[in-house]
Amino acid sequence: MSTASDLGSIRESVKQLCESYGEDYWLELDRTRGFPTAFVKELTDSGFLTVLIPEEYGGAGLGVVEASVVMEQVCRSGAHAGACHAQM
């Protein structure tokens, strides 16, 4: 399990990523019933959606606590968490 400092770093990084997708992005996806492809791709490319995948398979090899910090911050930002959760 990560230290409190590591978890804080994960939380802050996810927060910054989420903040780059403003309200207009989410409203447009809601209006068009679109999938947040760019958002999910950026989370994946940043390694946040590979938290639970073992390192030998290309993931981060972290645990449920770290994954919950990622999901908590995604939810807190108002982003579409379902798309992210399905990818973990």
PDB file of N, CA and C in Angstrom:
ATOM      1  N   MET A   1       0.843  -1.182   0.000  1.00  0.00           N
ATOM      2  CA  MET A   1       0.000   0.000   0.000  1.00  0.00           C
ATOM      3  C   MET A   1       0.886   1.242   0.000  1.00  0.00           C
ATOM      4  N   SER A   2       0.433   2.282  -0.662  1.00  0.00           N
ATOM      5  CA  SER A   2       1.171   3.531  -0.761  1.00  0.00           C
ATOM      6  C   SER A   2       1.111   4.308   0.543  1.00  0.00           C
ATOM      7  N   THR A   3       2.065   5.216   0.700  1.00  0.00           N
ATOM      8  CA  THR A   3       2.054   6.100   1.863  1.00  0.00           C
ATOM      9  C   THR A   3       1.032   7.207   1.642  1.00  0.00           C
ATOM     10  N   ALA A   4       0.738   7.943   2.705  1.00  0.00           N
ATOM     11  CA  ALA A   4      -0.206   9.061   2.601  1.00  0.00           C
ATOM     12  C   ALA A   4       0.287  10.082   1.580  1.00  0.00           C
ATOM     13  N   SER A   5       1.588  10.279   1.525  1.00  0.00           N
ATOM     14  CA  SER A   5       2.172  11.211   0.564  1.00  0.00           C
ATOM     15  C   SER A   5       1.951  10.735  -0.870  1.00  0.00           C
ATOM     16  N   ASP A   6       2.144   9.430  -1.102  1.00  0.00           N
ATOM     17  CA  ASP A   6       1.914   8.859  -2.432  1.00  0.00           C
ATOM     18  C   ASP A   6       0.451   9.009  -2.839  1.00  0.00           C
ATOM     19  N   LEU A   7      -0.444   8.738  -1.900  1.00  0.00           N
ATOM     20  CA  LEU A   7      -1.877   8.849  -2.189  1.00  0.00           C
ATOM     21  C   LEU A   7      -2.248  10.293  -2.489  1.00  0.00           C
ATOM     22  N   GLY A   8      -1.655  11.225  -1.761  1.00  0.00           N
ATOM     23  CA  GLY A   8      -1.901  12.644  -2.020  1.00  0.00           C
ATOM     24  C   GLY A   8      -1.417  13.051  -3.396  1.00  0.00           C
ATOM     25  N   SER A   9      -0.298  12.500  -3.806  1.00  0.00           N
ATOM     26  CA  SER A   9       0.248  12.790  -5.128  1.00  0.00           C
ATOM     27  C   SER A   9      -0.660  12.237  -6.226  1.00  0.00           C
ATOM     28  N   ILE A  10      -1.145  11.023  -6.031  1.00  0.00           N
ATOM     29  CA  ILE A  10      -2.096  10.430  -6.982  1.00  0.00           C
ATOM     30  C   ILE A  10      -3.342  11.301  -7.063  1.00  0.00           C
ATOM     31  N   ARG A  11      -3.876  11.667  -5.905  1.00  0.00           N
ATOM     32  CA  ARG A  11      -5.094  12.481  -5.848  1.00  0.00           C
ATOM     33  C   ARG A  11      -4.906  13.803  -6.592  1.00  0.00           C
ATOM     34  N   GLU A  12      -3.796  14.482  -6.348  1.00  0.00           N
ATOM     35  CA  GLU A  12      -3.549  15.782  -6.975  1.00  0.00           C
ATOM     36  C   GLU A  12      -3.367  15.644  -8.488  1.00  0.00           C
ATOM     37  N   SER A  13      -2.673  14.623  -8.922  1.00  0.00           N
ATOM     38  CA  SER A  13      -2.464  14.407 -10.360  1.00  0.00           C
ATOM     39  C   SER A  13      -3.778  14.129 -11.080  1.00  0.00           C
ATOM     40  N   VAL A  14      -4.616  13.292 -10.483  1.00  0.00           N
ATOM     41  CA  VAL A  14      -5.918  12.992 -11.091  1.00  0.00           C
ATOM     42  C   VAL A  14      -6.790  14.243 -11.091  1.00  0.00           C
ATOM     43  N   LYS A  15      -6.737  15.002 -10.022  1.00  0.00           N
ATOM     44  CA  LYS A  15      -7.517  16.245  -9.936  1.00  0.00           C
ATOM     45  C   LYS A  15      -7.141  17.191 -11.070  1.00  0.00           C
ATOM     46  N   GLN A  16      -5.851  17.383 -11.290  1.00  0.00           N
ATOM     47  CA  GLN A  16      -5.399  18.277 -12.358  1.00  0.00           C
ATOM     48  C   GLN A  16      -5.843  17.780 -13.730  1.00  0.00           C
ATOM     49  N   LEU A  17      -5.743  16.485 -13.946  1.00  0.00           N
ATOM     50  CA  LEU A  17      -6.179  15.919 -15.220  1.00  0.00           C
ATOM     51  C   LEU A  17      -7.678  16.162 -15.415  1.00  0.00           C
ATOM     52  N   CYS A  18      -8.461  15.890 -14.390  1.00  0.00           N
ATOM     53  CA  CYS A  18      -9.917  16.066 -14.482  1.00  0.00           C
ATOM     54  C   CYS A  18     -10.293  17.523 -14.729  1.00  0.00           C
ATOM     55  N   GLU A  19      -9.569  18.436 -14.095  1.00  0.00           N
ATOM     56  CA  GLU A  19      -9.869  19.859 -14.256  1.00  0.00           C
ATOM     57  C   GLU A  19      -9.640  20.343 -15.679  1.00  0.00           C
ATOM     58  N   SER A  20      -8.836  19.626 -16.448  1.00  0.00           N
ATOM     59  CA  SER A  20      -8.589  20.039 -17.830  1.00  0.00           C
ATOM     60  C   SER A  20      -9.788  19.741 -18.742  1.00  0.00           C
ATOM     61  N   TYR A  21     -10.746  18.984 -18.233  1.00  0.00           N
ATOM     62  CA  TYR A  21     -11.983  18.698 -18.969  1.00  0.00           C
ATOM     63  C   TYR A  21     -13.102  19.472 -18.298  1.00  0.00           C
ATOM     64  N   GLY A  22     -13.410  20.604 -18.866  1.00  0.00           N
ATOM     65  CA  GLY A  22     -14.380  21.504 -18.257  1.00  0.00           C
ATOM     66  C   GLY A  22     -15.825  21.054 -18.405  1.00  0.00           C
ATOM     67  N   GLU A  23     -16.667  21.857 -17.842  1.00  0.00           N
ATOM     68  CA  GLU A  23     -18.105  21.578 -17.845  1.00  0.00           C
ATOM     69  C   GLU A  23     -18.652  21.433 -19.261  1.00  0.00           C
ATOM     70  N   ASP A  24     -18.158  22.250 -20.186  1.00  0.00           N
ATOM     71  CA  ASP A  24     -18.650  22.190 -21.567  1.00  0.00           C
ATOM     72  C   ASP A  24     -18.399  20.822 -22.202  1.00  0.00           C
ATOM     73  N   TYR A  25     -17.255  20.218 -21.894  1.00  0.00           N
ATOM     74  CA  TYR A  25     -16.930  18.884 -22.416  1.00  0.00           C
ATOM     75  C   TYR A  25     -17.997  17.884 -21.981  1.00  0.00           C
ATOM     76  N   TRP A  26     -18.307  17.890 -20.681  1.00  0.00           N
ATOM     77  CA  TRP A  26     -19.265  16.929 -20.135  1.00  0.00           C
ATOM     78  C   TRP A  26     -20.694  17.217 -20.580  1.00  0.00           C
ATOM     79  N   LEU A  27     -21.049  18.492 -20.682  1.00  0.00           N
ATOM     80  CA  LEU A  27     -22.399  18.841 -21.138  1.00  0.00           C
ATOM     81  C   LEU A  27     -22.619  18.409 -22.589  1.00  0.00           C
ATOM     82  N   GLU A  28     -21.596  18.589 -23.422  1.00  0.00           N
ATOM     83  CA  GLU A  28     -21.710  18.173 -24.829  1.00  0.00           C
ATOM     84  C   GLU A  28     -21.852  16.654 -24.930  1.00  0.00           C
ATOM     85  N   LEU A  29     -21.076  15.925 -24.150  1.00  0.00           N
ATOM     86  CA  LEU A  29     -21.204  14.464 -24.160  1.00  0.00           C
ATOM     87  C   LEU A  29     -22.578  14.028 -23.667  1.00  0.00           C
ATOM     88  N   ASP A  30     -23.081  14.717 -22.666  1.00  0.00           N
ATOM     89  CA  ASP A  30     -24.409  14.392 -22.150  1.00  0.00           C
ATOM     90  C   ASP A  30     -25.472  14.676 -23.212  1.00  0.00           C
ATOM     91  N   ARG A  31     -25.335  15.819 -23.879  1.00  0.00           N
ATOM     92  CA  ARG A  31     -26.313  16.213 -24.898  1.00  0.00           C
ATOM     93  C   ARG A  31     -26.319  15.231 -26.066  1.00  0.00           C
ATOM     94  N   THR A  32     -25.138  14.765 -26.460  1.00  0.00           N
ATOM     95  CA  THR A  32     -25.033  13.875 -27.617  1.00  0.00           C
ATOM     96  C   THR A  32     -25.001  12.398 -27.236  1.00  0.00           C
ATOM     97  N   ARG A  33     -25.075  12.135 -25.941  1.00  0.00           N
ATOM     98  CA  ARG A  33     -24.984  10.768 -25.424  1.00  0.00           C
ATOM     99  C   ARG A  33     -23.677  10.103 -25.861  1.00  0.00           C
ATOM    100  N   GLY A  34     -22.630  10.916 -25.836  1.00  0.00           N
ATOM    101  CA  GLY A  34     -21.324  10.446 -26.275  1.00  0.00           C
ATOM    102  C   GLY A  34     -20.524   9.769 -25.175  1.00  0.00           C
ATOM    103  N   PHE A  35     -19.479   9.087 -25.585  1.00  0.00           N
ATOM    104  CA  PHE A  35     -18.560   8.427 -24.666  1.00  0.00           C
ATOM    105  C   PHE A  35     -17.347   9.337 -24.476  1.00  0.00           C
ATOM    106  N   PRO A  36     -16.835   9.472 -23.263  1.00  0.00           N
ATOM    107  CA  PRO A  36     -15.704  10.379 -23.007  1.00  0.00           C
ATOM    108  C   PRO A  36     -14.361   9.792 -23.452  1.00  0.00           C
ATOM    109  N   THR A  37     -14.228   9.555 -24.737  1.00  0.00           N
ATOM    110  CA  THR A  37     -13.043   8.896 -25.284  1.00  0.00           C
ATOM    111  C   THR A  37     -11.752   9.620 -24.923  1.00  0.00           C
ATOM    112  N   ALA A  38     -11.713  10.925 -25.122  1.00  0.00           N
ATOM    113  CA  ALA A  38     -10.487  11.687 -24.846  1.00  0.00           C
ATOM    114  C   ALA A  38     -10.115  11.611 -23.370  1.00  0.00           C
ATOM    115  N   PHE A  39     -11.109  11.717 -22.511  1.00  0.00           N
ATOM    116  CA  PHE A  39     -10.883  11.662 -21.062  1.00  0.00           C
ATOM    117  C   PHE A  39     -10.349  10.294 -20.644  1.00  0.00           C
ATOM    118  N   VAL A  40     -10.989   9.242 -21.113  1.00  0.00           N
ATOM    119  CA  VAL A  40     -10.568   7.882 -20.767  1.00  0.00           C
ATOM    120  C   VAL A  40      -9.177   7.599 -21.330  1.00  0.00           C
ATOM    121  N   LYS A  41      -8.905   8.066 -22.551  1.00  0.00           N
ATOM    122  CA  LYS A  41      -7.578   7.863 -23.149  1.00  0.00           C
ATOM    123  C   LYS A  41      -6.505   8.564 -22.329  1.00  0.00           C
ATOM    124  N   GLU A  42      -6.771   9.786 -21.910  1.00  0.00           N
ATOM    125  CA  GLU A  42      -5.772  10.516 -21.121  1.00  0.00           C
ATOM    126  C   GLU A  42      -5.538   9.852 -19.765  1.00  0.00           C
ATOM    127  N   LEU A  43      -6.599   9.382 -19.122  1.00  0.00           N
ATOM    128  CA  LEU A  43      -6.434   8.656 -17.857  1.00  0.00           C
ATOM    129  C   LEU A  43      -5.638   7.366 -18.069  1.00  0.00           C
ATOM    130  N   THR A  44      -5.896   6.692 -19.177  1.00  0.00           N
ATOM    131  CA  THR A  44      -5.171   5.457 -19.490  1.00  0.00           C
ATOM    132  C   THR A  44      -3.704   5.757 -19.775  1.00  0.00           C
ATOM    133  N   ASP A  45      -3.455   6.740 -20.637  1.00  0.00           N
ATOM    134  CA  ASP A  45      -2.085   7.106 -20.994  1.00  0.00           C
ATOM    135  C   ASP A  45      -1.290   7.579 -19.781  1.00  0.00           C
ATOM    136  N   SER A  46      -1.974   8.173 -18.814  1.00  0.00           N
ATOM    137  CA  SER A  46      -1.321   8.650 -17.590  1.00  0.00           C
ATOM    138  C   SER A  46      -1.084   7.522 -16.592  1.00  0.00           C
ATOM    139  N   GLY A  47      -1.633   6.350 -16.873  1.00  0.00           N
ATOM    140  CA  GLY A  47      -1.436   5.194 -16.006  1.00  0.00           C
ATOM    141  C   GLY A  47      -2.463   5.030 -14.907  1.00  0.00           C
ATOM    142  N   PHE A  48      -3.423   5.925 -14.838  1.00  0.00           N
ATOM    143  CA  PHE A  48      -4.394   5.863 -13.746  1.00  0.00           C
ATOM    144  C   PHE A  48      -5.425   4.746 -13.906  1.00  0.00           C
ATOM    145  N   LEU A  49      -5.668   4.312 -15.128  1.00  0.00           N
ATOM    146  CA  LEU A  49      -6.632   3.228 -15.310  1.00  0.00           C
ATOM    147  C   LEU A  49      -5.960   1.859 -15.359  1.00  0.00           C
ATOM    148  N   THR A  50      -4.652   1.853 -15.166  1.00  0.00           N
ATOM    149  CA  THR A  50      -3.935   0.578 -15.106  1.00  0.00           C
ATOM    150  C   THR A  50      -3.454   0.278 -13.692  1.00  0.00           C
ATOM    151  N   VAL A  51      -3.989   1.000 -12.739  1.00  0.00           N
ATOM    152  CA  VAL A  51      -3.560   0.871 -11.341  1.00  0.00           C
ATOM    153  C   VAL A  51      -3.662  -0.568 -10.851  1.00  0.00           C
ATOM    154  N   LEU A  52      -4.722  -1.257 -11.189  1.00  0.00           N
ATOM    155  CA  LEU A  52      -4.961  -2.605 -10.671  1.00  0.00           C
ATOM    156  C   LEU A  52      -4.320  -3.720 -11.501  1.00  0.00           C
ATOM    157  N   ILE A  53      -3.772  -3.371 -12.643  1.00  0.00           N
ATOM    158  CA  ILE A  53      -3.159  -4.380 -13.508  1.00  0.00           C
ATOM    159  C   ILE A  53      -1.727  -4.635 -13.032  1.00  0.00           C
ATOM    160  N   PRO A  54      -1.344  -5.897 -12.861  1.00  0.00           N
ATOM    161  CA  PRO A  54       0.021  -6.205 -12.415  1.00  0.00           C
ATOM    162  C   PRO A  54       1.075  -5.638 -13.374  1.00  0.00           C
ATOM    163  N   GLU A  55       2.219  -5.283 -12.823  1.00  0.00           N
ATOM    164  CA  GLU A  55       3.302  -4.701 -13.628  1.00  0.00           C
ATOM    165  C   GLU A  55       3.737  -5.615 -14.767  1.00  0.00           C
ATOM    166  N   GLU A  56       3.749  -6.920 -14.527  1.00  0.00           N
ATOM    167  CA  GLU A  56       4.205  -7.836 -15.583  1.00  0.00           C
ATOM    168  C   GLU A  56       3.273  -7.853 -16.795  1.00  0.00           C
ATOM    169  N   TYR A  57       2.090  -7.264 -16.647  1.00  0.00           N
ATOM    170  CA  TYR A  57       1.148  -7.159 -17.765  1.00  0.00           C
ATOM    171  C   TYR A  57       0.999  -5.718 -18.240  1.00  0.00           C
ATOM    172  N   GLY A  58       1.932  -4.859 -17.841  1.00  0.00           N
ATOM    173  CA  GLY A  58       1.928  -3.483 -18.314  1.00  0.00           C
ATOM    174  C   GLY A  58       1.198  -2.488 -17.437  1.00  0.00           C
ATOM    175  N   GLY A  59       0.737  -2.921 -16.288  1.00  0.00           N
ATOM    176  CA  GLY A  59       0.018  -2.026 -15.390  1.00  0.00           C
ATOM    177  C   GLY A  59       0.911  -1.409 -14.338  1.00  0.00           C
ATOM    178  N   ALA A  60       0.291  -0.693 -13.432  1.00  0.00           N
ATOM    179  CA  ALA A  60       1.024  -0.028 -12.354  1.00  0.00           C
ATOM    180  C   ALA A  60       1.298  -0.970 -11.186  1.00  0.00           C
ATOM    181  N   GLY A  61       0.510  -2.027 -11.075  1.00  0.00           N
ATOM    182  CA  GLY A  61       0.723  -3.001 -10.015  1.00  0.00           C
ATOM    183  C   GLY A  61       0.415  -2.488  -8.625  1.00  0.00           C
ATOM    184  N   LEU A  62      -0.482  -1.533  -8.535  1.00  0.00           N
ATOM    185  CA  LEU A  62      -0.861  -0.991  -7.231  1.00  0.00           C
ATOM    186  C   LEU A  62      -2.097  -1.721  -6.720  1.00  0.00           C
ATOM    187  N   GLY A  63      -2.711  -1.197  -5.683  1.00  0.00           N
ATOM    188  CA  GLY A  63      -3.818  -1.906  -5.065  1.00  0.00           C
ATOM    189  C   GLY A  63      -5.147  -1.182  -5.118  1.00  0.00           C
ATOM    190  N   VAL A  64      -6.081  -1.744  -4.391  1.00  0.00           N
ATOM    191  CA  VAL A  64      -7.447  -1.223  -4.351  1.00  0.00           C
ATOM    192  C   VAL A  64      -7.496   0.163  -3.710  1.00  0.00           C
ATOM    193  N   VAL A  65      -6.654   0.412  -2.728  1.00  0.00           N
ATOM    194  CA  VAL A  65      -6.638   1.733  -2.081  1.00  0.00           C
ATOM    195  C   VAL A  65      -6.272   2.808  -3.101  1.00  0.00           C
ATOM    196  N   GLU A  66      -5.236   2.565  -3.874  1.00  0.00           N
ATOM    197  CA  GLU A  66      -4.819   3.530  -4.888  1.00  0.00           C
ATOM    198  C   GLU A  66      -5.901   3.704  -5.956  1.00  0.00           C
ATOM    199  N   ALA A  67      -6.510   2.606  -6.367  1.00  0.00           N
ATOM    200  CA  ALA A  67      -7.594   2.681  -7.352  1.00  0.00           C
ATOM    201  C   ALA A  67      -8.772   3.472  -6.807  1.00  0.00           C
ATOM    202  N   SER A  68      -9.071   3.305  -5.527  1.00  0.00           N
ATOM    203  CA  SER A  68     -10.196   4.039  -4.941  1.00  0.00           C
ATOM    204  C   SER A  68      -9.899   5.530  -4.870  1.00  0.00           C
ATOM    205  N   VAL A  69      -8.636   5.894  -4.668  1.00  0.00           N
ATOM    206  CA  VAL A  69      -8.262   7.311  -4.667  1.00  0.00           C
ATOM    207  C   VAL A  69      -8.480   7.900  -6.063  1.00  0.00           C
ATOM    208  N   VAL A  70      -8.097   7.155  -7.095  1.00  0.00           N
ATOM    209  CA  VAL A  70      -8.321   7.611  -8.469  1.00  0.00           C
ATOM    210  C   VAL A  70      -9.815   7.808  -8.710  1.00  0.00           C
ATOM    211  N   MET A  71     -10.616   6.796  -8.400  1.00  0.00           N
ATOM    212  CA  MET A  71     -12.057   6.879  -8.655  1.00  0.00           C
ATOM    213  C   MET A  71     -12.725   7.960  -7.813  1.00  0.00           C
ATOM    214  N   GLU A  72     -12.301   8.101  -6.568  1.00  0.00           N
ATOM    215  CA  GLU A  72     -12.863   9.144  -5.710  1.00  0.00           C
ATOM    216  C   GLU A  72     -12.635  10.521  -6.321  1.00  0.00           C
ATOM    217  N   GLN A  73     -11.438  10.753  -6.834  1.00  0.00           N
ATOM    218  CA  GLN A  73     -11.143  12.062  -7.404  1.00  0.00           C
ATOM    219  C   GLN A  73     -11.890  12.280  -8.710  1.00  0.00           C
ATOM    220  N   VAL A  74     -12.027  11.245  -9.519  1.00  0.00           N
ATOM    221  CA  VAL A  74     -12.809  11.362 -10.754  1.00  0.00           C
ATOM    222  C   VAL A  74     -14.252  11.729 -10.406  1.00  0.00           C
ATOM    223  N   CYS A  75     -14.824  11.045  -9.436  1.00  0.00           N
ATOM    224  CA  CYS A  75     -16.204  11.334  -9.010  1.00  0.00           C
ATOM    225  C   CYS A  75     -16.320  12.732  -8.424  1.00  0.00           C
ATOM    226  N   ARG A  76     -15.364  13.103  -7.621  1.00  0.00           N
ATOM    227  CA  ARG A  76     -15.383  14.416  -6.978  1.00  0.00           C
ATOM    228  C   ARG A  76     -15.352  15.530  -8.018  1.00  0.00           C
ATOM    229  N   SER A  77     -14.683  15.299  -9.129  1.00  0.00           N
ATOM    230  CA  SER A  77     -14.568  16.325 -10.167  1.00  0.00           C
ATOM    231  C   SER A  77     -15.852  16.469 -10.983  1.00  0.00           C
ATOM    232  N   GLY A  78     -16.737  15.487 -10.877  1.00  0.00           N
ATOM    233  CA  GLY A  78     -17.964  15.524 -11.663  1.00  0.00           C
ATOM    234  C   GLY A  78     -17.827  14.821 -13.002  1.00  0.00           C
ATOM    235  N   ALA A  79     -16.686  14.191 -13.223  1.00  0.00           N
ATOM    236  CA  ALA A  79     -16.454  13.485 -14.483  1.00  0.00           C
ATOM    237  C   ALA A  79     -17.253  12.183 -14.522  1.00  0.00           C
ATOM    238  N   HIS A  80     -17.255  11.542 -15.664  1.00  0.00           N
ATOM    239  CA  HIS A  80     -18.002  10.304 -15.865  1.00  0.00           C
ATOM    240  C   HIS A  80     -17.201   9.142 -15.295  1.00  0.00           C
ATOM    241  N   ALA A  81     -17.520   8.727 -14.098  1.00  0.00           N
ATOM    242  CA  ALA A  81     -16.754   7.684 -13.412  1.00  0.00           C
ATOM    243  C   ALA A  81     -17.043   6.286 -13.942  1.00  0.00           C
ATOM    244  N   GLY A  82     -18.231   6.062 -14.457  1.00  0.00           N
ATOM    245  CA  GLY A  82     -18.594   4.734 -14.940  1.00  0.00           C
ATOM    246  C   GLY A  82     -17.681   4.260 -16.056  1.00  0.00           C
ATOM    247  N   ALA A  83     -17.351   5.165 -16.961  1.00  0.00           N
ATOM    248  CA  ALA A  83     -16.461   4.815 -18.070  1.00  0.00           C
ATOM    249  C   ALA A  83     -15.076   4.443 -17.560  1.00  0.00           C
ATOM    250  N   CYS A  84     -14.645   5.104 -16.508  1.00  0.00           N
ATOM    251  CA  CYS A  84     -13.319   4.826 -15.929  1.00  0.00           C
ATOM    252  C   CYS A  84     -13.332   3.523 -15.151  1.00  0.00           C
ATOM    253  N   HIS A  85     -14.354   3.333 -14.363  1.00  0.00           N
ATOM    254  CA  HIS A  85     -14.440   2.131 -13.530  1.00  0.00           C
ATOM    255  C   HIS A  85     -14.450   0.879 -14.396  1.00  0.00           C
ATOM    256  N   ALA A  86     -15.147   0.947 -15.503  1.00  0.00           N
ATOM    257  CA  ALA A  86     -15.230  -0.205 -16.401  1.00  0.00           C
ATOM    258  C   ALA A  86     -13.874  -0.543 -17.008  1.00  0.00           C
ATOM    259  N   GLN A  87     -12.990   0.438 -17.111  1.00  0.00           N
ATOM    260  CA  GLN A  87     -11.673   0.227 -17.712  1.00  0.00           C
ATOM    261  C   GLN A  87     -10.650  -0.314 -16.727  1.00  0.00           C
ATOM    262  N   MET A  88     -10.899  -0.169 -15.434  1.00  0.00           N
ATOM    263  CA  MET A  88      -9.930  -0.621 -14.433  1.00  0.00           C
ATOM    264  C   MET A  88      -9.961  -2.112 -14.373  1.00  0.00           C
TER     265      MET A  88
END
